[in-house]
């Protein structure tokens, strides 16, 4: 066998052996997921691409494979995004429930899970406001007073949520969580714009964050949209 060929083959095998591996062990208590196909997707070249799929059997499922770098991924059922997680070395334990989801077992997933838990608590308090309104009406409280009180509570919860998201992104500028949560945040907007929250996020952002393909493209289009609005 050619010596040069042997060296090339050895180099290739070395590179392949250095490729990181991810492993996701999942459990679901959601009856609607039983027997359904779940897909693991990552953001690549401006779109979400599937890298693995599995079926939920008796409430259990698994993902696994190689990766070139740490990535933020999302678990999908069809076109519905169920939850985000980080693909990094180590075994991730995924839990999908009716009201709570978690991904733990590795450093970045533990960080992400803590954030999701805090945000879920805020969302739950926001969801309680209609019930509180009904109770206040039944108690005979003046409707103007109800509107004032619940509007104030809603405003405070929105501010708390925005501060939580903004702080989390800024604390994670230099890893995949910062750009990943920014992607989820801006996906709720009809088109790229600079809201006060987004302006705050990108101010003093690190080169890693600003250089992320999604963040970079978002800022570019948002700037173009701002210029168009100025010209109208």
Foldseek 3Di string as FASTA:
>chain_A
DDPVVVVVVVVVVVVVVPFAKFKEKEFEPDPVQAQFKKFKWFQDPHDTDTDDIWHQHPRITMDMDTDRDKTKIFIDGVPRTQDIAIGDHFYWYWYGYPQAIAIDTDVVRVVVRVLRVVLSVLVVVLVCLVVVLVVCVVVVHDPVVSVVVSVVVNVVSVVVNLVSLLVSLQVPLPDNVNLVSVVVVCVPPPAQADDVSNVSNVVVRDPSNCVDVVNVVSVVVRVVVVVVVVVD
